[in-house]
Protein backbone atom coordinates (compact mmCIF):
# COMPACT_ATOMS: atom_id res chain seq x y z
CA MET A 1 106.49 -8.53 -147.14
CA THR A 2 103.86 -9.59 -144.64
CA ILE A 3 100.21 -9.88 -145.65
CA MET A 4 97.63 -10.47 -142.93
CA VAL A 5 94.15 -11.76 -143.74
CA VAL A 6 91.40 -11.62 -141.10
CA ASP A 7 88.18 -13.55 -141.67
CA SER A 8 86.04 -15.65 -139.34
CA ASP A 9 85.48 -18.17 -142.16
CA GLN A 10 88.26 -20.79 -142.16
CA THR A 11 87.48 -21.77 -145.78
CA ALA A 12 87.89 -18.15 -146.92
CA LEU A 13 91.20 -17.92 -145.04
CA GLN A 14 92.49 -21.08 -146.70
CA LYS A 15 91.44 -19.82 -150.14
CA ALA A 16 93.23 -16.52 -149.49
CA ALA A 17 96.36 -18.38 -148.39
CA ASP A 18 96.26 -20.52 -151.53
CA VAL A 19 95.94 -17.45 -153.77
CA LEU A 20 98.67 -15.50 -152.00
CA THR A 21 101.22 -18.30 -151.75
CA LYS A 22 101.11 -18.89 -155.51
CA ARG A 23 103.07 -15.66 -155.92
CA ARG A 24 106.77 -16.02 -156.59
CA ALA A 25 107.74 -13.11 -154.36
CA ALA A 26 108.94 -13.81 -150.85
CA ILE A 27 105.93 -13.09 -148.66
CA THR A 28 104.69 -14.14 -145.27
CA VAL A 29 100.94 -14.77 -145.04
CA VAL A 30 99.38 -14.42 -141.59
CA LEU A 31 95.84 -15.79 -141.19
CA GLN A 32 93.67 -14.71 -138.26
CA GLN A 33 90.06 -15.61 -137.44
CA SER A 34 89.95 -13.02 -134.64
CA ALA A 35 90.19 -9.26 -135.10
CA VAL A 36 91.44 -8.94 -131.52
CA LYS A 37 94.30 -11.38 -132.18
CA ALA A 38 95.05 -9.60 -135.46
CA ALA A 39 95.37 -6.28 -133.61
CA GLU A 40 97.64 -7.93 -131.03
CA PHE A 41 99.81 -9.33 -133.84
CA ALA A 42 100.08 -5.85 -135.40
CA MET A 43 101.25 -4.40 -132.07
CA CYS A 44 104.42 -6.53 -132.21
CA ASN A 45 104.93 -7.29 -135.92
CA ALA A 46 105.15 -5.28 -139.12
CA VAL A 47 102.20 -5.76 -141.47
CA ASP A 48 102.60 -4.46 -145.02
CA ILE A 49 99.12 -5.27 -146.31
CA LEU A 50 95.98 -6.06 -144.31
CA PHE A 51 92.79 -7.58 -145.68
CA ALA A 52 89.91 -7.80 -143.20
CA ARG A 53 86.34 -9.01 -143.63
CA ILE A 54 84.01 -6.08 -142.91
CA GLU A 55 81.94 -8.16 -140.46
CA LEU A 56 83.89 -10.03 -137.80
CA PRO A 57 82.53 -11.52 -134.56
CA ASP A 58 84.79 -9.74 -132.06
CA MET A 59 85.07 -6.26 -133.65
CA SER A 60 84.23 -4.78 -137.02
CA GLY A 61 86.74 -4.85 -139.83
CA GLU A 62 86.62 -1.05 -139.88
CA GLU A 63 87.61 -0.89 -136.20
CA LEU A 64 90.48 -3.29 -136.84
CA LEU A 65 91.76 -1.21 -139.77
CA GLU A 66 91.64 1.93 -137.60
CA LYS A 67 93.65 0.20 -134.85
CA VAL A 68 96.26 -1.10 -137.28
CA LYS A 69 96.56 2.29 -139.02
CA ARG A 70 97.20 3.95 -135.63
CA LEU A 71 99.97 1.43 -134.93
CA GLN A 72 101.37 1.25 -138.45
CA PRO A 73 100.31 4.25 -140.57
CA ILE A 74 101.96 2.94 -143.74
CA THR A 75 100.09 -0.38 -143.74
CA GLU A 76 97.97 -0.78 -146.87
CA CYS A 77 94.49 -1.74 -145.61
CA HIS A 78 91.51 -3.26 -147.45
CA LEU A 79 88.02 -4.23 -146.27
CA LEU A 80 86.46 -7.34 -147.80
CA LYS A 81 82.71 -7.05 -148.32
CA ASP A 82 80.32 -9.88 -149.10
CA GLY A 83 81.09 -11.28 -152.54
CA GLU A 84 84.68 -10.01 -152.52
CA GLU A 85 87.92 -11.92 -152.17
CA ILE A 86 91.65 -11.41 -152.54
CA ILE A 87 92.95 -11.73 -156.07
CA VAL A 88 96.42 -11.58 -157.59
CA THR A 89 96.58 -9.96 -161.01
CA PRO A 90 98.73 -11.41 -163.81
CA ARG A 91 101.24 -8.65 -162.97
CA GLY A 92 101.44 -9.90 -159.38
CA GLU A 93 99.44 -7.10 -157.77
CA VAL A 94 97.40 -8.12 -154.73
CA MET A 95 93.95 -6.55 -154.54
CA VAL A 96 90.27 -7.00 -153.69
CA GLY A 97 88.00 -8.24 -156.45
CA ALA A 98 84.69 -9.94 -157.09
CA ALA A 99 84.54 -13.56 -155.95
CA GLN A 100 85.01 -16.07 -158.74
CA LEU A 101 82.09 -18.46 -159.04
């Protein structure tokens, strides 16, 4: 399984990587600070789950999700709004939730 996270904030990307790599399942985590580079990655590589910050410097998260869905219609896509982050439930489900303070 490949999970791609797109956020212009390097700290947020590192936190997402830390959360996702604690899972026991075999996953590949791809971190991108650029929506354009994320779209290019999706043109050549399968992405199972995509998390993108709604506001990105080079294109909106919504635009990125639309591009990825055109390339890979079965990709599960999530927009991260302010105050949201990636969480892993005790059952191992990956989802968007409120940021932990």
